[in-house]
Amino acid sequence: MGDSASYFVHETAIIDEGCQIGEGSKIWHFSHLMQEALVGKNCSIGQNVFVANDVRIGNNVKIQNNVSLYSGVVCEDDVFLGPSMVFTNVKNPRSAVDRRGEFQKTIIKKGATIGANATIVCGISLGKYAFIAAGSVVTKNVSDYAIMVGVPAIQDGWMSEYGERLSFSNGKAVCKATNTQYILEYGRCVKL
């Protein structure tokens, strides 16, 4: 588990033996982290969060209340998971059919945000700094910096690393908050 003095665990949380938690992380009320889960440094894991075996959580990840991360979920650094958002781990679940050997990997890349009550169907990848709007249902891979909205989610523009909508003119955009420049290259947003 690492040195328990280097992170905070609320007294109602359950941390199974073997779970690794990074320095400065905080685990709040009624959460359960299984034995093979790995949590990076400076993470915040909210109330009633479940983290299964084989889940990998990078550094500075914020997981809001009522989120379950099932086997195969990987969250890179600086990811934000909004309240009650949902991951799946099997595409065709049936109560009477054991599909544990069919869990699919889902990768949430650095800096991505998933809004409250969004659903991420397993077996896909969300690009760096992608922004998934609240309540959206994502069923396919998402490009870096893409804004995704709706059911099923469709792309509705681009967002800077700072979280500002980008307005492109002649293939170029500037983040209003940071003056960082972005270009569109072969249909993808790239930070300069």
Protein backbone atom coordinates (compact mmCIF):
# COMPACT_ATOMS: atom_id res chain seq x y z
CA MET A 1 0.00 0.00 0.00
CA GLY A 2 2.85 2.43 0.39
CA ASP A 3 3.47 4.50 3.49
CA SER A 4 -0.02 5.25 4.87
CA ALA A 5 1.34 8.42 6.51
CA SER A 6 1.95 9.86 3.04
CA TYR A 7 -1.72 9.80 1.96
CA PHE A 8 -5.17 10.21 3.59
CA VAL A 9 -7.85 7.52 3.86
CA HIS A 10 -11.20 8.27 5.51
CA GLU A 11 -12.08 5.78 8.26
CA THR A 12 -15.08 4.43 6.29
CA ALA A 13 -13.04 3.65 3.15
CA ILE A 14 -11.86 0.09 2.44
CA ILE A 15 -8.36 -0.32 1.04
CA ASP A 16 -7.51 -3.95 0.27
CA GLU A 17 -4.04 -5.20 1.15
CA GLY A 18 -1.74 -4.80 -1.87
CA CYS A 19 -3.40 -1.68 -3.28
CA GLN A 20 -0.77 0.98 -4.05
CA ILE A 21 -1.54 4.64 -3.27
CA GLY A 22 0.76 7.55 -4.10
CA GLU A 23 1.90 10.32 -1.80
CA GLY A 24 -0.55 13.14 -1.16
CA SER A 25 -3.61 11.25 -2.40
CA LYS A 26 -6.94 11.40 -0.55
CA ILE A 27 -9.52 8.61 -0.40
CA TRP A 28 -12.91 9.74 0.93
CA HIS A 29 -16.03 8.22 2.56
CA PHE A 30 -17.26 4.72 1.69
CA SER A 31 -14.83 4.16 -1.20
CA HIS A 32 -13.35 0.72 -1.93
CA LEU A 33 -9.99 0.14 -3.63
CA MET A 34 -9.14 -3.48 -4.47
CA GLN A 35 -5.79 -5.17 -3.92
CA GLU A 36 -4.29 -4.76 -7.40
CA ALA A 37 -5.43 -1.16 -7.96
CA LEU A 38 -2.72 1.44 -8.49
CA VAL A 39 -3.34 5.11 -7.58
CA GLY A 40 -0.76 7.81 -8.34
CA LYS A 41 0.32 10.85 -6.36
CA ASN A 42 -1.94 13.77 -5.38
CA CYS A 43 -5.17 12.09 -6.45
CA SER A 44 -8.59 12.83 -4.97
CA ILE A 45 -10.98 9.88 -4.85
CA GLY A 46 -14.43 11.06 -3.78
CA GLN A 47 -17.19 9.46 -1.78
CA ASN A 48 -18.53 6.03 -2.79
CA VAL A 49 -15.91 5.33 -5.48
CA PHE A 50 -15.04 1.74 -6.45
CA VAL A 51 -11.62 0.95 -7.97
CA ALA A 52 -11.25 -2.65 -9.22
CA ASN A 53 -8.19 -4.82 -9.64
CA ASP A 54 -5.98 -3.91 -12.60
CA VAL A 55 -7.16 -0.28 -12.67
CA ARG A 56 -4.34 2.21 -13.18
CA ILE A 57 -4.80 5.81 -12.03
CA GLY A 58 -2.06 8.35 -12.82
CA ASN A 59 -0.98 11.40 -10.85
CA ASN A 60 -3.27 14.33 -10.01
CA VAL A 61 -6.45 12.50 -11.05
CA LYS A 62 -9.74 13.81 -9.62
CA ILE A 63 -12.52 11.24 -9.27
CA GLN A 64 -15.81 12.70 -8.06
CA ASN A 65 -18.48 10.88 -6.04
CA ASN A 66 -20.23 7.67 -7.15
CA VAL A 67 -17.83 6.51 -9.87
CA SER A 68 -16.86 2.86 -10.47
CA LEU A 69 -13.63 2.07 -12.31
CA TYR A 70 -13.72 -1.56 -13.48
CA SER A 71 -10.82 -3.82 -14.48
CA GLY A 72 -9.18 -2.54 -17.64
CA VAL A 73 -9.66 1.19 -17.00
CA VAL A 74 -6.51 3.29 -17.28
CA CYS A 75 -6.55 6.98 -16.36
CA GLU A 76 -3.38 8.85 -17.24
CA ASP A 77 -2.20 11.96 -15.32
CA ASP A 78 -4.49 14.98 -14.74
CA VAL A 79 -7.75 13.20 -15.67
CA PHE A 80 -11.06 14.48 -14.24
CA LEU A 81 -13.97 12.06 -13.77
CA GLY A 82 -17.24 13.87 -12.99
CA PRO A 83 -19.87 12.78 -10.46
CA SER A 84 -21.70 9.54 -11.27
CA MET A 85 -20.05 9.06 -14.66
CA VAL A 86 -20.03 5.42 -15.82
CA PHE A 87 -17.47 3.05 -17.31
CA THR A 88 -18.50 -0.30 -18.78
CA ASN A 89 -16.17 -3.27 -19.17
CA VAL A 90 -18.07 -5.70 -21.42
CA LYS A 91 -19.95 -4.82 -24.62
CA ASN A 92 -22.61 -7.54 -24.35
CA PRO A 93 -23.26 -8.37 -20.68
CA ARG A 94 -25.67 -11.13 -19.66
CA SER A 95 -26.34 -12.08 -16.07
CA ALA A 96 -26.18 -15.81 -16.81
CA VAL A 97 -23.00 -15.62 -18.96
CA ASP A 98 -19.59 -15.25 -17.30
CA ARG A 99 -17.67 -12.72 -19.40
CA ARG A 100 -14.84 -11.98 -16.93
CA GLY A 101 -12.30 -13.09 -19.52
CA GLU A 102 -13.72 -10.57 -22.00
CA PHE A 103 -13.15 -7.32 -20.05
CA GLN A 104 -12.00 -4.63 -22.48
CA LYS A 105 -9.40 -1.95 -21.82
CA THR A 106 -10.50 1.68 -21.75
CA ILE A 107 -7.83 4.39 -21.80
CA ILE A 108 -8.41 7.96 -20.67
CA LYS A 109 -5.38 9.97 -21.77
CA LYS A 110 -3.63 12.82 -20.00
CA GLY A 111 -5.77 15.81 -19.07
CA ALA A 112 -9.08 14.46 -20.36
CA THR A 113 -12.33 15.47 -18.63
CA ILE A 114 -15.47 13.36 -18.38
CA GLY A 115 -18.56 15.27 -17.24
CA ALA A 116 -21.19 14.22 -14.71
CA ASN A 117 -23.39 11.27 -15.67
CA ALA A 118 -21.52 10.58 -18.92
CA THR A 119 -21.11 6.95 -20.02
CA ILE A 120 -17.93 5.59 -21.59
CA VAL A 121 -18.44 2.29 -23.42
CA CYS A 122 -15.48 -0.07 -22.97
CA GLY A 123 -12.73 -0.80 -25.46
CA ILE A 124 -12.07 2.80 -26.53
CA SER A 125 -9.56 5.55 -25.94
CA LEU A 126 -10.25 9.18 -25.04
CA GLY A 127 -7.53 11.49 -26.39
CA LYS A 128 -5.37 13.94 -24.48
CA TYR A 129 -7.38 16.87 -23.07
CA ALA A 130 -10.60 15.59 -24.65
CA PHE A 131 -13.75 17.03 -23.07
CA ILE A 132 -16.80 14.80 -22.68
CA ALA A 133 -19.92 16.85 -21.88
CA ALA A 134 -22.18 15.88 -18.99
CA GLY A 135 -24.65 13.13 -19.86
CA SER A 136 -22.93 12.13 -23.11
CA VAL A 137 -22.55 8.50 -24.19
CA VAL A 138 -19.20 7.82 -25.86
CA THR A 139 -19.10 4.71 -28.07
CA LYS A 140 -15.93 5.24 -30.14
CA ASN A 141 -12.39 6.60 -29.86
CA VAL A 142 -12.09 10.34 -29.25
CA SER A 143 -9.35 12.59 -30.68
CA ASP A 144 -7.02 14.76 -28.60
CA TYR A 145 -8.67 18.09 -27.61
CA ALA A 146 -12.08 17.04 -29.01
CA ILE A 147 -15.34 18.22 -27.38
CA MET A 148 -17.92 15.42 -27.41
CA VAL A 149 -21.63 15.94 -26.70
CA GLY A 150 -24.88 13.99 -26.92
CA VAL A 151 -26.23 10.46 -27.12
CA PRO A 152 -24.44 8.93 -28.89
CA ALA A 153 -21.68 11.52 -28.51
CA ILE A 154 -20.58 13.47 -31.58
CA GLN A 155 -17.76 15.96 -31.86
CA ASP A 156 -18.75 19.58 -31.28
CA GLY A 157 -15.44 21.42 -31.64
CA TRP A 158 -12.10 21.57 -29.89
CA MET A 159 -10.92 22.58 -26.40
CA SER A 160 -7.55 23.89 -25.21
CA GLU A 161 -5.52 22.24 -22.45
CA TYR A 162 -6.70 25.08 -20.19
CA GLY A 163 -10.36 24.25 -20.88
CA GLU A 164 -11.30 27.02 -23.33
CA ARG A 165 -13.26 26.36 -26.53
CA LEU A 166 -11.01 26.93 -29.54
CA SER A 167 -12.23 28.93 -32.55
CA PHE A 168 -10.24 28.08 -35.65
CA SER A 169 -9.64 30.48 -38.51
CA ASN A 170 -7.51 29.35 -41.46
CA GLY A 171 -6.55 26.25 -39.49
CA LYS A 172 -5.23 28.16 -36.46
CA ALA A 173 -6.61 28.99 -33.01
CA VAL A 174 -5.36 30.64 -29.82
CA CYS A 175 -6.48 29.78 -26.29
CA LYS A 176 -7.98 33.01 -24.90
CA ALA A 177 -6.77 32.24 -21.38
CA THR A 178 -3.14 31.29 -22.09
CA ASN A 179 -2.37 32.53 -25.63
CA THR A 180 -1.25 28.99 -26.50
CA GLN A 181 -1.52 28.31 -30.23
CA TYR A 182 -3.18 25.29 -31.83
CA ILE A 183 -3.46 24.16 -35.45
CA LEU A 184 -5.66 21.72 -37.32
CA GLU A 185 -3.51 19.15 -39.09
CA TYR A 186 -5.11 16.33 -41.09
CA GLY A 187 -8.38 16.78 -39.15
CA ARG A 188 -6.68 16.70 -35.74
CA CYS A 189 -6.00 19.47 -33.25
CA VAL A 190 -2.30 19.94 -32.37
CA LYS A 191 -0.76 22.25 -29.80
CA LEU A 192 2.20 24.26 -31.05
